[in-house]
Structures are given as C-alpha cells and as structure tokens.
Amino acid sequence: MLQPPFCFGSVSTLKRIFVVSVRAVMESSDGTAWYLIRTKTGKERWVKDQLQTSVPEVFLPLLRAKTPRWGRMVMSVGPLFPCYVFARFDLQRSYFEVKYMPGVRGIVSAGSDPLAVPTGIVTEIRRRGVDDVVEIAEKPLGTGDRVVVVEGPFRGFEAIFERYLSGAERVAILLSAIEAGGLRVLLPASAVAKSP
C-alpha cells in the first residue's frame, strides 16, 4: 500500500487541518460543502464509484510512485490518502445516505459534528496532479548514497552509488558486501533503489 508523501503529511496532519468549524468554511451557493469520507481498507475506488451516483462531486486523489513488488521497483498508482475520499454534498440532505453507505466507516468529525473541508485544500491537491493523479518527482541519486540492487544477479546486495553513466539510464555502483571486496558494477538505473 502506498503511503502519503511527506509534502502532504500524514492522516493525523489532515485531521488537524480539518479541525475547522463548519460555519468557518464557505459553502457553495447550492448549499454543498466538501467532507472527508473514511472508507474501509482498500475500498476507496469502490466508495468513490458509489458516491458518484448520489452526490454532486467526489474526489479521490491518487499517487503514482515506485513501490517494491516481487523484488522489483515498479510504478503503481494508489490512493494518496489511503482509506479517505473527498465528497461535496449537502450535509442535511445526504448525511445518512453517505454515512451508512456500504464500504464507508464514517465522515471525519469533531465529536458528532462532521467537519467541512476548506475548498482551498481540495483545489490545491487537484492543482498538483494531472487527472487527479499526483506524481512526486524522484530525487536523483548522489555520489555516496547507499543503494540496494533490486533486480538482476546482484539483487539484495547493498552498494554505494558512484555516478550516472550515459544520461540517467546506467549507473556505476560499488558493491559493499564483504565477498565483493569493493567491486565496481555497471547496472541499468532501474536496477537500483535508494536504501531505506
């Protein structure tokens, strides 16, 4: 499962941002406001599809990032905020329909009062993505960075990044295993990942 990126913070940071009185958030002219819907694990897309039939607008921000899968780093797309979906609706008309929809755990609230999400937050998240998908630029490796080989015959070996060769397609690394004795190896850039 993808984790939220540092630039948006964690779910607890989101909750602190949303501790805003419903009265302080400007509702649209049709009486609707944005709310954060908590879903069951892995049900974000399903809840989004169900909500689209009953509320004016639903927003599920996604994150495209490299994740480890079967020993390789692959690009995947998952929820930016796992277990959360933004929905714009009239609270008085749609509260029970949204709160008790299958796959929904609840509406983020302060006590028993659902908290409206400032429209600026939704706008800013949308601005950072294309078609609701946010992509965080991968930081290039620097000389001396600790890396791990994620594919090929040296998979699992730790190494020290030396430099990029021929653009960013190939890299030179120094294997740091005792057996390798500081062996210099040339690999495709996709075969190494920054060590955690």
N, C-alpha and C. Protein backbone atom coordinates (compact mmCIF):
# COMPACT_ATOMS: atom_id res chain seq x y z
N MET A 1 0.84 -1.18 0.00
CA MET A 1 0.00 0.00 0.00
C MET A 1 0.88 1.24 0.00
N LEU A 2 0.55 2.19 -0.79
CA LEU A 2 1.31 3.42 -0.87
C LEU A 2 1.05 4.26 0.37
N GLN A 3 2.07 4.93 0.82
CA GLN A 3 1.94 5.81 1.96
C GLN A 3 1.84 7.25 1.48
N PRO A 4 1.18 8.13 2.27
CA PRO A 4 1.09 9.52 1.84
C PRO A 4 2.47 10.15 1.76
N PRO A 5 2.73 10.98 0.78
CA PRO A 5 4.03 11.62 0.66
C PRO A 5 4.23 12.69 1.72
N PHE A 6 5.48 12.98 2.01
CA PHE A 6 5.80 13.94 3.06
C PHE A 6 5.25 15.32 2.78
N CYS A 7 5.07 15.70 1.51
CA CYS A 7 4.63 17.06 1.21
C CYS A 7 3.18 17.31 1.63
N PHE A 8 2.39 16.27 1.78
CA PHE A 8 1.02 16.46 2.23
C PHE A 8 0.85 16.05 3.68
N GLY A 9 1.83 15.38 4.25
CA GLY A 9 1.75 14.97 5.64
C GLY A 9 0.96 13.69 5.83
N SER A 10 0.77 13.33 7.07
CA SER A 10 0.08 12.09 7.39
C SER A 10 -1.40 12.35 7.59
N VAL A 11 -2.14 11.28 7.87
CA VAL A 11 -3.57 11.40 8.10
C VAL A 11 -3.83 12.24 9.34
N SER A 12 -2.96 12.12 10.38
CA SER A 12 -3.17 12.94 11.57
C SER A 12 -3.00 14.42 11.23
N THR A 13 -2.08 14.73 10.32
CA THR A 13 -1.93 16.12 9.88
C THR A 13 -3.18 16.58 9.16
N LEU A 14 -3.75 15.69 8.33
CA LEU A 14 -5.00 16.02 7.64
C LEU A 14 -6.10 16.35 8.65
N LYS A 15 -6.20 15.54 9.69
CA LYS A 15 -7.26 15.77 10.68
C LYS A 15 -7.06 17.11 11.37
N ARG A 16 -5.80 17.47 11.67
CA ARG A 16 -5.55 18.78 12.30
C ARG A 16 -5.95 19.91 11.36
N ILE A 17 -5.68 19.74 10.06
CA ILE A 17 -6.04 20.77 9.09
C ILE A 17 -7.55 20.95 9.06
N PHE A 18 -8.29 19.85 9.20
CA PHE A 18 -9.73 19.89 9.07
C PHE A 18 -10.46 20.30 10.34
N VAL A 19 -9.73 20.54 11.42
CA VAL A 19 -10.39 20.98 12.64
C VAL A 19 -10.75 22.45 12.45
N VAL A 20 -11.75 22.65 11.65
CA VAL A 20 -12.25 23.97 11.29
C VAL A 20 -13.76 23.89 11.49
N SER A 21 -14.33 24.87 12.07
CA SER A 21 -15.76 24.86 12.28
C SER A 21 -16.49 24.89 10.94
N VAL A 22 -17.59 24.17 10.86
CA VAL A 22 -18.37 24.12 9.63
C VAL A 22 -18.80 25.52 9.22
N ARG A 23 -19.07 26.37 10.19
CA ARG A 23 -19.50 27.73 9.87
C ARG A 23 -18.39 28.55 9.23
N ALA A 24 -17.12 28.23 9.55
CA ALA A 24 -16.00 29.00 9.03
C ALA A 24 -15.70 28.66 7.58
N VAL A 25 -16.19 27.53 7.10
CA VAL A 25 -15.92 27.11 5.73
C VAL A 25 -17.04 27.65 4.85
N MET A 26 -16.65 28.30 3.79
CA MET A 26 -17.65 28.85 2.87
C MET A 26 -18.31 27.72 2.09
N GLU A 27 -19.61 27.62 2.21
CA GLU A 27 -20.34 26.66 1.42
C GLU A 27 -20.60 27.26 0.05
N SER A 28 -20.78 26.39 -0.92
CA SER A 28 -21.08 26.90 -2.25
C SER A 28 -22.51 27.42 -2.28
N SER A 29 -22.87 28.07 -3.36
CA SER A 29 -24.19 28.68 -3.46
C SER A 29 -25.31 27.64 -3.44
N ASP A 30 -25.01 26.39 -3.75
CA ASP A 30 -26.06 25.36 -3.74
C ASP A 30 -26.18 24.66 -2.38
N GLY A 31 -25.47 25.17 -1.35
CA GLY A 31 -25.58 24.61 0.00
C GLY A 31 -24.70 23.40 0.24
N THR A 32 -23.82 23.07 -0.71
CA THR A 32 -22.95 21.91 -0.52
C THR A 32 -21.59 22.35 0.01
N ALA A 33 -20.89 21.42 0.62
CA ALA A 33 -19.53 21.66 1.11
C ALA A 33 -18.76 20.35 0.95
N TRP A 34 -17.44 20.45 1.00
CA TRP A 34 -16.58 19.26 0.90
C TRP A 34 -16.46 18.61 2.28
N TYR A 35 -16.49 17.27 2.30
CA TYR A 35 -16.30 16.49 3.52
C TYR A 35 -15.33 15.36 3.22
N LEU A 36 -14.66 14.88 4.25
CA LEU A 36 -13.72 13.78 4.10
C LEU A 36 -14.40 12.51 4.60
N ILE A 37 -14.54 11.54 3.69
CA ILE A 37 -15.22 10.29 3.99
C ILE A 37 -14.17 9.22 4.29
N ARG A 38 -14.29 8.56 5.44
CA ARG A 38 -13.36 7.47 5.79
C ARG A 38 -13.94 6.17 5.28
N THR A 39 -13.13 5.42 4.52
CA THR A 39 -13.59 4.17 3.93
C THR A 39 -12.95 2.96 4.61
N LYS A 40 -13.49 1.81 4.31
CA LYS A 40 -12.84 0.57 4.75
C LYS A 40 -11.58 0.39 3.92
N THR A 41 -10.62 -0.36 4.45
CA THR A 41 -9.34 -0.57 3.78
C THR A 41 -9.53 -1.13 2.37
N GLY A 42 -8.91 -0.47 1.40
CA GLY A 42 -8.95 -0.92 0.02
C GLY A 42 -10.25 -0.64 -0.71
N LYS A 43 -11.18 0.08 -0.11
CA LYS A 43 -12.49 0.33 -0.72
C LYS A 43 -12.64 1.75 -1.27
N GLU A 44 -11.54 2.50 -1.37
CA GLU A 44 -11.62 3.89 -1.80
C GLU A 44 -12.27 4.04 -3.18
N ARG A 45 -11.80 3.27 -4.15
CA ARG A 45 -12.34 3.39 -5.52
C ARG A 45 -13.80 2.95 -5.57
N TRP A 46 -14.12 1.90 -4.84
CA TRP A 46 -15.49 1.40 -4.84
C TRP A 46 -16.43 2.44 -4.23
N VAL A 47 -16.03 3.02 -3.10
CA VAL A 47 -16.84 4.06 -2.45
C VAL A 47 -16.98 5.26 -3.37
N LYS A 48 -15.89 5.64 -4.04
CA LYS A 48 -15.96 6.77 -4.99
C LYS A 48 -17.02 6.50 -6.05
N ASP A 49 -17.00 5.30 -6.63
CA ASP A 49 -17.98 4.96 -7.67
C ASP A 49 -19.41 5.00 -7.12
N GLN A 50 -19.63 4.51 -5.90
CA GLN A 50 -20.96 4.52 -5.29
C GLN A 50 -21.43 5.94 -4.99
N LEU A 51 -20.51 6.77 -4.48
CA LEU A 51 -20.86 8.15 -4.14
C LEU A 51 -21.21 8.97 -5.38
N GLN A 52 -20.57 8.68 -6.51
CA GLN A 52 -20.81 9.46 -7.73
C GLN A 52 -22.26 9.38 -8.18
N THR A 53 -22.98 8.35 -7.76
CA THR A 53 -24.39 8.23 -8.16
C THR A 53 -25.31 9.04 -7.26
N SER A 54 -24.80 9.51 -6.10
CA SER A 54 -25.71 10.18 -5.16
C SER A 54 -25.29 11.57 -4.70
N VAL A 55 -24.04 11.99 -4.95
CA VAL A 55 -23.62 13.33 -4.53
C VAL A 55 -23.07 14.09 -5.74
N PRO A 56 -23.06 15.44 -5.67
CA PRO A 56 -22.64 16.23 -6.83
C PRO A 56 -21.20 15.99 -7.29
N GLU A 57 -20.25 15.79 -6.34
CA GLU A 57 -18.85 15.68 -6.74
C GLU A 57 -18.08 14.81 -5.76
N VAL A 58 -17.20 13.95 -6.30
CA VAL A 58 -16.35 13.08 -5.49
C VAL A 58 -14.93 13.23 -6.00
N PHE A 59 -13.98 13.23 -5.08
CA PHE A 59 -12.57 13.39 -5.44
C PHE A 59 -11.73 12.36 -4.70
N LEU A 60 -11.08 11.49 -5.45
CA LEU A 60 -10.15 10.50 -4.89
C LEU A 60 -8.77 10.81 -5.46
N PRO A 61 -7.95 11.56 -4.70
CA PRO A 61 -6.60 11.86 -5.21
C PRO A 61 -5.75 10.60 -5.20
N LEU A 62 -5.00 10.39 -6.28
CA LEU A 62 -4.16 9.21 -6.42
C LEU A 62 -2.69 9.62 -6.45
N LEU A 63 -1.82 8.68 -6.11
CA LEU A 63 -0.38 8.91 -6.10
C LEU A 63 0.28 7.89 -7.00
N ARG A 64 1.10 8.37 -7.95
CA ARG A 64 1.90 7.48 -8.79
C ARG A 64 3.31 7.48 -8.20
N ALA A 65 3.79 6.31 -7.81
CA ALA A 65 5.12 6.20 -7.20
C ALA A 65 5.69 4.81 -7.43
N LYS A 66 6.98 4.70 -7.26
CA LYS A 66 7.64 3.40 -7.35
C LYS A 66 7.45 2.66 -6.04
N THR A 67 7.02 1.40 -6.15
CA THR A 67 6.85 0.56 -4.97
C THR A 67 7.49 -0.79 -5.24
N PRO A 68 7.99 -1.46 -4.19
CA PRO A 68 8.58 -2.78 -4.39
C PRO A 68 7.49 -3.82 -4.64
N ARG A 69 7.67 -4.61 -5.69
CA ARG A 69 6.71 -5.67 -5.98
C ARG A 69 7.49 -6.84 -6.58
N TRP A 70 7.43 -7.98 -5.93
CA TRP A 70 8.12 -9.19 -6.37
C TRP A 70 9.61 -8.95 -6.58
N GLY A 71 10.21 -8.21 -5.67
CA GLY A 71 11.65 -7.97 -5.74
C GLY A 71 12.08 -6.91 -6.74
N ARG A 72 11.15 -6.21 -7.33
CA ARG A 72 11.46 -5.14 -8.30
C ARG A 72 10.74 -3.86 -7.90
N MET A 73 11.32 -2.75 -8.31
CA MET A 73 10.65 -1.47 -8.09
C MET A 73 9.83 -1.18 -9.34
N VAL A 74 8.50 -1.07 -9.17
CA VAL A 74 7.62 -0.81 -10.30
C VAL A 74 6.75 0.41 -10.00
N MET A 75 6.31 1.07 -11.07
CA MET A 75 5.41 2.21 -10.89
C MET A 75 4.00 1.68 -10.62
N SER A 76 3.36 2.24 -9.61
CA SER A 76 1.98 1.86 -9.35
C SER A 76 1.21 3.10 -8.93
N VAL A 77 -0.10 3.01 -9.04
CA VAL A 77 -0.97 4.12 -8.69
C VAL A 77 -1.91 3.65 -7.58
N GLY A 78 -1.95 4.40 -6.50
CA GLY A 78 -2.82 4.07 -5.37
C GLY A 78 -3.32 5.35 -4.73
N PRO A 79 -4.20 5.24 -3.76
CA PRO A 79 -4.74 6.44 -3.11
C PRO A 79 -3.65 7.28 -2.46
N LEU A 80 -3.73 8.58 -2.62
CA LEU A 80 -2.80 9.49 -1.97
C LEU A 80 -3.00 9.42 -0.46
N PHE A 81 -4.26 9.34 -0.04
CA PHE A 81 -4.60 9.21 1.38
C PHE A 81 -5.38 7.91 1.53
N PRO A 82 -4.70 6.79 1.83
CA PRO A 82 -5.41 5.52 1.95
C PRO A 82 -6.57 5.61 2.94
N CYS A 83 -7.69 5.05 2.55
CA CYS A 83 -8.93 4.98 3.36
C CYS A 83 -9.69 6.31 3.45
N TYR A 84 -9.42 7.25 2.54
CA TYR A 84 -10.14 8.52 2.57
C TYR A 84 -10.54 8.95 1.15
N VAL A 85 -11.74 9.53 1.04
CA VAL A 85 -12.28 10.06 -0.20
C VAL A 85 -12.92 11.41 0.12
N PHE A 86 -12.72 12.40 -0.72
CA PHE A 86 -13.38 13.69 -0.55
C PHE A 86 -14.71 13.66 -1.30
N ALA A 87 -15.76 14.23 -0.69
CA ALA A 87 -17.06 14.30 -1.36
C ALA A 87 -17.70 15.65 -1.06
N ARG A 88 -18.30 16.25 -2.08
CA ARG A 88 -19.02 17.52 -1.92
C ARG A 88 -20.51 17.22 -1.96
N PHE A 89 -21.20 17.56 -0.88
CA PHE A 89 -22.64 17.31 -0.83
C PHE A 89 -23.30 18.18 0.22
N ASP A 90 -24.63 18.22 0.18
CA ASP A 90 -25.43 18.94 1.17
C ASP A 90 -25.57 18.02 2.36
N LEU A 91 -25.00 18.41 3.49
CA LEU A 91 -24.98 17.57 4.68
C LEU A 91 -26.38 17.22 5.17
N GLN A 92 -27.31 18.18 5.14
CA GLN A 92 -28.66 17.92 5.65
C GLN A 92 -29.41 16.92 4.77
N ARG A 93 -29.19 16.97 3.47
CA ARG A 93 -29.92 16.07 2.57
C ARG A 93 -29.28 14.69 2.45
N SER A 94 -27.95 14.61 2.49
CA SER A 94 -27.29 13.35 2.15
C SER A 94 -26.52 12.70 3.30
N TYR A 95 -26.60 13.23 4.51
CA TYR A 95 -25.81 12.73 5.63
C TYR A 95 -25.97 11.22 5.83
N PHE A 96 -27.19 10.76 6.03
CA PHE A 96 -27.41 9.33 6.33
C PHE A 96 -27.07 8.45 5.14
N GLU A 97 -27.37 8.89 3.94
CA GLU A 97 -27.07 8.11 2.74
C GLU A 97 -25.56 7.89 2.61
N VAL A 98 -24.76 8.95 2.90
CA VAL A 98 -23.31 8.84 2.79
C VAL A 98 -22.74 8.05 3.96
N LYS A 99 -23.13 8.40 5.16
CA LYS A 99 -22.56 7.78 6.37
C LYS A 99 -22.80 6.28 6.42
N TYR A 100 -23.95 5.81 5.97
CA TYR A 100 -24.27 4.38 6.07
C TYR A 100 -24.15 3.64 4.74
N MET A 101 -23.44 4.22 3.79
CA MET A 101 -23.19 3.55 2.51
C MET A 101 -22.23 2.38 2.75
N PRO A 102 -22.45 1.24 2.10
CA PRO A 102 -21.51 0.12 2.26
C PRO A 102 -20.09 0.55 1.86
N GLY A 103 -19.11 0.14 2.65
CA GLY A 103 -17.72 0.49 2.40
C GLY A 103 -17.27 1.74 3.13
N VAL A 104 -18.21 2.50 3.70
CA VAL A 104 -17.89 3.74 4.41
C VAL A 104 -17.83 3.47 5.90
N ARG A 105 -16.78 3.96 6.55
CA ARG A 105 -16.66 3.84 8.01
C ARG A 105 -17.27 5.07 8.70
N GLY A 106 -17.28 6.20 8.01
CA GLY A 106 -17.87 7.39 8.61
C GLY A 106 -17.39 8.65 7.91
N ILE A 107 -17.86 9.78 8.42
CA ILE A 107 -17.46 11.09 7.93
C ILE A 107 -16.55 11.69 9.00
N VAL A 108 -15.40 12.21 8.60
CA VAL A 108 -14.47 12.78 9.58
C VAL A 108 -15.19 13.90 10.34
N SER A 109 -15.18 13.77 11.67
CA SER A 109 -15.97 14.66 12.52
C SER A 109 -15.18 15.12 13.73
N ALA A 110 -15.67 16.17 14.36
CA ALA A 110 -15.20 16.60 15.67
C ALA A 110 -16.34 16.30 16.61
N GLY A 111 -16.21 15.23 17.37
CA GLY A 111 -17.33 14.77 18.17
C GLY A 111 -18.37 14.20 17.24
N SER A 112 -19.58 14.74 17.30
CA SER A 112 -20.64 14.24 16.41
C SER A 112 -20.89 15.17 15.22
N ASP A 113 -20.12 16.26 15.12
CA ASP A 113 -20.31 17.22 14.04
C ASP A 113 -19.32 16.97 12.91
N PRO A 114 -19.82 16.59 11.70
CA PRO A 114 -18.91 16.43 10.55
C PRO A 114 -18.21 17.74 10.25
N LEU A 115 -16.92 17.62 9.90
CA LEU A 115 -16.12 18.80 9.61
C LEU A 115 -16.06 19.04 8.10
N ALA A 116 -16.39 20.25 7.72
CA ALA A 116 -16.30 20.62 6.31
C ALA A 116 -14.83 20.88 5.98
N VAL A 117 -14.42 20.46 4.81
CA VAL A 117 -13.04 20.66 4.34
C VAL A 117 -13.00 21.96 3.56
N PRO A 118 -12.06 22.84 3.88
CA PRO A 118 -11.96 24.07 3.11
C PRO A 118 -11.73 23.76 1.62
N THR A 119 -12.46 24.43 0.77
CA THR A 119 -12.37 24.20 -0.68
C THR A 119 -10.95 24.38 -1.19
N GLY A 120 -10.19 25.27 -0.56
CA GLY A 120 -8.82 25.52 -0.97
C GLY A 120 -7.93 24.29 -0.88
N ILE A 121 -8.18 23.42 0.08
CA ILE A 121 -7.39 22.20 0.23
C ILE A 121 -7.63 21.29 -0.96
N VAL A 122 -8.88 21.08 -1.31
CA VAL A 122 -9.21 20.22 -2.46
C VAL A 122 -8.64 20.83 -3.73
N THR A 123 -8.77 22.14 -3.89
CA THR A 123 -8.26 22.83 -5.07
C THR A 123 -6.75 22.67 -5.18
N GLU A 124 -6.04 22.82 -4.08
CA GLU A 124 -4.57 22.71 -4.08
C GLU A 124 -4.11 21.29 -4.43
N ILE A 125 -4.77 20.28 -3.88
CA ILE A 125 -4.40 18.90 -4.20
C ILE A 125 -4.65 18.64 -5.68
N ARG A 126 -5.77 19.10 -6.19
CA ARG A 126 -6.08 18.93 -7.62
C ARG A 126 -5.07 19.65 -8.51
N ARG A 127 -4.63 20.82 -8.08
CA ARG A 127 -3.67 21.60 -8.85
C ARG A 127 -2.34 20.86 -9.00
N ARG A 128 -1.98 20.08 -8.01
CA ARG A 128 -0.68 19.38 -8.02
C ARG A 128 -0.68 18.12 -8.87
N GLY A 129 -1.83 17.72 -9.37
CA GLY A 129 -1.89 16.48 -10.15
C GLY A 129 -2.46 16.70 -11.54
N VAL A 130 -2.41 15.64 -12.32
CA VAL A 130 -2.99 15.60 -13.65
C VAL A 130 -4.00 14.47 -13.64
N ASP A 131 -5.26 14.77 -13.98
CA ASP A 131 -6.35 13.78 -13.94
C ASP A 131 -6.44 13.13 -12.56
N ASP A 132 -6.30 13.93 -11.50
CA ASP A 132 -6.39 13.51 -10.10
C ASP A 132 -5.26 12.57 -9.67
N VAL A 133 -4.16 12.51 -10.44
CA VAL A 133 -3.01 11.68 -10.08
C VAL A 133 -1.83 12.60 -9.80
N VAL A 134 -1.32 12.51 -8.57
CA VAL A 134 -0.16 13.29 -8.15
C VAL A 134 1.08 12.43 -8.35
N GLU A 135 2.12 13.01 -8.93
CA GLU A 135 3.37 12.28 -9.11
C GLU A 135 4.47 13.09 -8.48
N ILE A 136 5.19 12.45 -7.58
CA ILE A 136 6.29 13.13 -6.91
C ILE A 136 7.57 12.79 -7.66
N ALA A 137 8.26 13.83 -8.08
CA ALA A 137 9.50 13.62 -8.84
C ALA A 137 10.50 12.87 -7.98
N GLU A 138 11.10 11.86 -8.59
CA GLU A 138 12.08 11.05 -7.88
C GLU A 138 13.37 11.85 -7.75
N LYS A 139 13.93 11.85 -6.56
CA LYS A 139 15.19 12.55 -6.35
C LYS A 139 16.30 11.71 -6.96
N PRO A 140 17.17 12.35 -7.73
CA PRO A 140 18.28 11.60 -8.31
C PRO A 140 19.24 11.15 -7.20
N LEU A 141 19.94 10.07 -7.49
CA LEU A 141 20.92 9.56 -6.53
C LEU A 141 22.16 10.44 -6.58
N GLY A 142 22.79 10.59 -5.43
CA GLY A 142 24.01 11.39 -5.36
C GLY A 142 25.20 10.50 -5.02
N THR A 143 26.37 10.92 -5.38
CA THR A 143 27.59 10.17 -5.09
C THR A 143 27.67 9.90 -3.59
N GLY A 144 27.88 8.63 -3.25
CA GLY A 144 27.99 8.24 -1.85
C GLY A 144 26.70 7.77 -1.22
N ASP A 145 25.56 7.90 -1.93
CA ASP A 145 24.28 7.43 -1.39
C ASP A 145 24.28 5.92 -1.27
N ARG A 146 23.68 5.42 -0.20
CA ARG A 146 23.54 3.97 -0.01
C ARG A 146 22.35 3.51 -0.86
N VAL A 147 22.56 2.46 -1.66
CA VAL A 147 21.52 1.91 -2.52
C VAL A 147 21.45 0.41 -2.31
N VAL A 148 20.37 -0.17 -2.81
CA VAL A 148 20.22 -1.62 -2.81
C VAL A 148 19.87 -2.03 -4.24
N VAL A 149 20.43 -3.14 -4.68
CA VAL A 149 20.16 -3.64 -6.02
C VAL A 149 18.83 -4.38 -5.95
N VAL A 150 17.86 -4.01 -6.82
CA VAL A 150 16.51 -4.58 -6.76
C VAL A 150 16.21 -5.56 -7.88
N GLU A 151 17.11 -5.68 -8.85
CA GLU A 151 16.89 -6.67 -9.91
C GLU A 151 18.23 -7.11 -10.49
N GLY A 152 18.22 -8.29 -11.09
CA GLY A 152 19.43 -8.82 -11.70
C GLY A 152 20.16 -9.78 -10.77
N PRO A 153 21.34 -10.24 -11.18
CA PRO A 153 22.06 -11.25 -10.39
C PRO A 153 22.57 -10.75 -9.04
N PHE A 154 22.67 -9.41 -8.87
CA PHE A 154 23.14 -8.86 -7.60
C PHE A 154 21.98 -8.42 -6.70
N ARG A 155 20.75 -8.88 -7.02
CA ARG A 155 19.57 -8.48 -6.25
C ARG A 155 19.79 -8.72 -4.75
N GLY A 156 19.44 -7.70 -3.95
CA GLY A 156 19.57 -7.80 -2.50
C GLY A 156 20.88 -7.27 -1.96
N PHE A 157 21.90 -7.07 -2.82
CA PHE A 157 23.18 -6.55 -2.37
C PHE A 157 23.06 -5.06 -2.09
N GLU A 158 23.72 -4.63 -1.02
CA GLU A 158 23.81 -3.20 -0.73
C GLU A 158 25.03 -2.65 -1.43
N ALA A 159 24.98 -1.38 -1.81
CA ALA A 159 26.08 -0.78 -2.54
C ALA A 159 26.13 0.72 -2.24
N ILE A 160 27.19 1.33 -2.74
CA ILE A 160 27.37 2.77 -2.65
C ILE A 160 27.27 3.31 -4.07
N PHE A 161 26.40 4.30 -4.27
CA PHE A 161 26.23 4.88 -5.60
C PHE A 161 27.47 5.69 -5.95
N GLU A 162 27.98 5.46 -7.17
CA GLU A 162 29.17 6.20 -7.62
C GLU A 162 28.79 7.33 -8.56
N ARG A 163 28.14 6.99 -9.71
CA ARG A 163 27.76 8.05 -10.66
C ARG A 163 26.84 7.49 -11.74
N TYR A 164 26.16 8.42 -12.44
CA TYR A 164 25.34 8.07 -13.60
C TYR A 164 26.25 7.97 -14.81
N LEU A 165 25.91 7.07 -15.72
CA LEU A 165 26.63 6.92 -16.98
C LEU A 165 25.64 7.09 -18.12
N SER A 166 26.05 7.66 -19.22
CA SER A 166 25.21 7.88 -20.41
C SER A 166 23.82 8.37 -20.04
N GLY A 167 23.75 9.59 -19.55
CA GLY A 167 22.47 10.14 -19.12
C GLY A 167 22.13 9.57 -17.75
N ALA A 168 20.90 9.12 -17.61
CA ALA A 168 20.49 8.52 -16.34
C ALA A 168 20.05 7.08 -16.55
N GLU A 169 20.45 6.50 -17.69
CA GLU A 169 20.00 5.14 -17.99
C GLU A 169 20.85 4.08 -17.32
N ARG A 170 22.13 4.36 -17.12
CA ARG A 170 23.02 3.38 -16.49
C ARG A 170 23.73 4.05 -15.32
N VAL A 171 24.07 3.23 -14.32
CA VAL A 171 24.75 3.75 -13.14
C VAL A 171 25.95 2.89 -12.81
N ALA A 172 26.91 3.49 -12.11
CA ALA A 172 28.05 2.75 -11.58
C ALA A 172 27.89 2.73 -10.07
N ILE A 173 28.02 1.53 -9.49
CA ILE A 173 27.91 1.40 -8.04
C ILE A 173 29.11 0.60 -7.53
N LEU A 174 29.40 0.75 -6.26
CA LEU A 174 30.43 -0.05 -5.61
C LEU A 174 29.72 -0.99 -4.64
N LEU A 175 29.78 -2.29 -4.92
CA LEU A 175 29.14 -3.26 -4.01
C LEU A 175 29.88 -3.23 -2.69
N SER A 176 29.12 -3.20 -1.60
CA SER A 176 29.75 -3.08 -0.29
C SER A 176 29.77 -4.39 0.48
N ALA A 177 29.38 -5.49 -0.16
CA ALA A 177 29.42 -6.79 0.51
C ALA A 177 30.87 -7.23 0.68
N ILE A 178 31.13 -7.98 1.74
CA ILE A 178 32.48 -8.46 2.01
C ILE A 178 32.99 -9.30 0.85
N GLU A 179 32.10 -10.17 0.30
CA GLU A 179 32.50 -11.04 -0.80
C GLU A 179 32.90 -10.23 -2.03
N ALA A 180 32.28 -9.07 -2.23
CA ALA A 180 32.55 -8.28 -3.42
C ALA A 180 33.85 -7.52 -3.31
N GLY A 181 34.27 -7.20 -2.09
CA GLY A 181 35.53 -6.50 -1.88
C GLY A 181 35.61 -5.16 -2.58
N GLY A 182 34.53 -4.40 -2.62
CA GLY A 182 34.53 -3.08 -3.26
C GLY A 182 34.47 -3.17 -4.78
N LEU A 183 33.82 -4.18 -5.30
CA LEU A 183 33.70 -4.41 -6.74
C LEU A 183 32.86 -3.31 -7.39
N ARG A 184 33.35 -2.72 -8.48
CA ARG A 184 32.62 -1.70 -9.23
C ARG A 184 31.76 -2.41 -10.27
N VAL A 185 30.45 -2.10 -10.28
CA VAL A 185 29.50 -2.76 -11.17
C VAL A 185 28.72 -1.70 -11.93
N LEU A 186 28.46 -1.96 -13.22
CA LEU A 186 27.63 -1.08 -14.04
C LEU A 186 26.27 -1.74 -14.21
N LEU A 187 25.20 -1.02 -13.92
CA LEU A 187 23.84 -1.56 -13.98
C LEU A 187 22.90 -0.55 -14.61
N PRO A 188 21.74 -1.03 -15.11
CA PRO A 188 20.70 -0.07 -15.52
C PRO A 188 20.23 0.71 -14.29
N ALA A 189 19.89 1.97 -14.47
CA ALA A 189 19.45 2.80 -13.34
C ALA A 189 18.23 2.22 -12.65
N SER A 190 17.37 1.52 -13.38
CA SER A 190 16.16 0.94 -12.80
C SER A 190 16.47 -0.24 -11.88
N ALA A 191 17.72 -0.73 -11.90
CA ALA A 191 18.08 -1.90 -11.09
C ALA A 191 18.47 -1.53 -9.67
N VAL A 192 18.57 -0.24 -9.36
CA VAL A 192 18.95 0.17 -8.01
C VAL A 192 17.90 1.11 -7.43
N ALA A 193 17.79 1.06 -6.12
CA ALA A 193 16.87 1.95 -5.40
C ALA A 193 17.59 2.46 -4.16
N LYS A 194 17.23 3.67 -3.74
CA LYS A 194 17.82 4.25 -2.54
C LYS A 194 17.52 3.36 -1.34
N SER A 195 18.52 3.12 -0.53
CA SER A 195 18.37 2.27 0.65
C SER A 195 17.52 3.00 1.69
N PRO A 196 16.59 2.29 2.34
CA PRO A 196 15.74 2.96 3.34
C PRO A 196 16.50 3.41 4.57
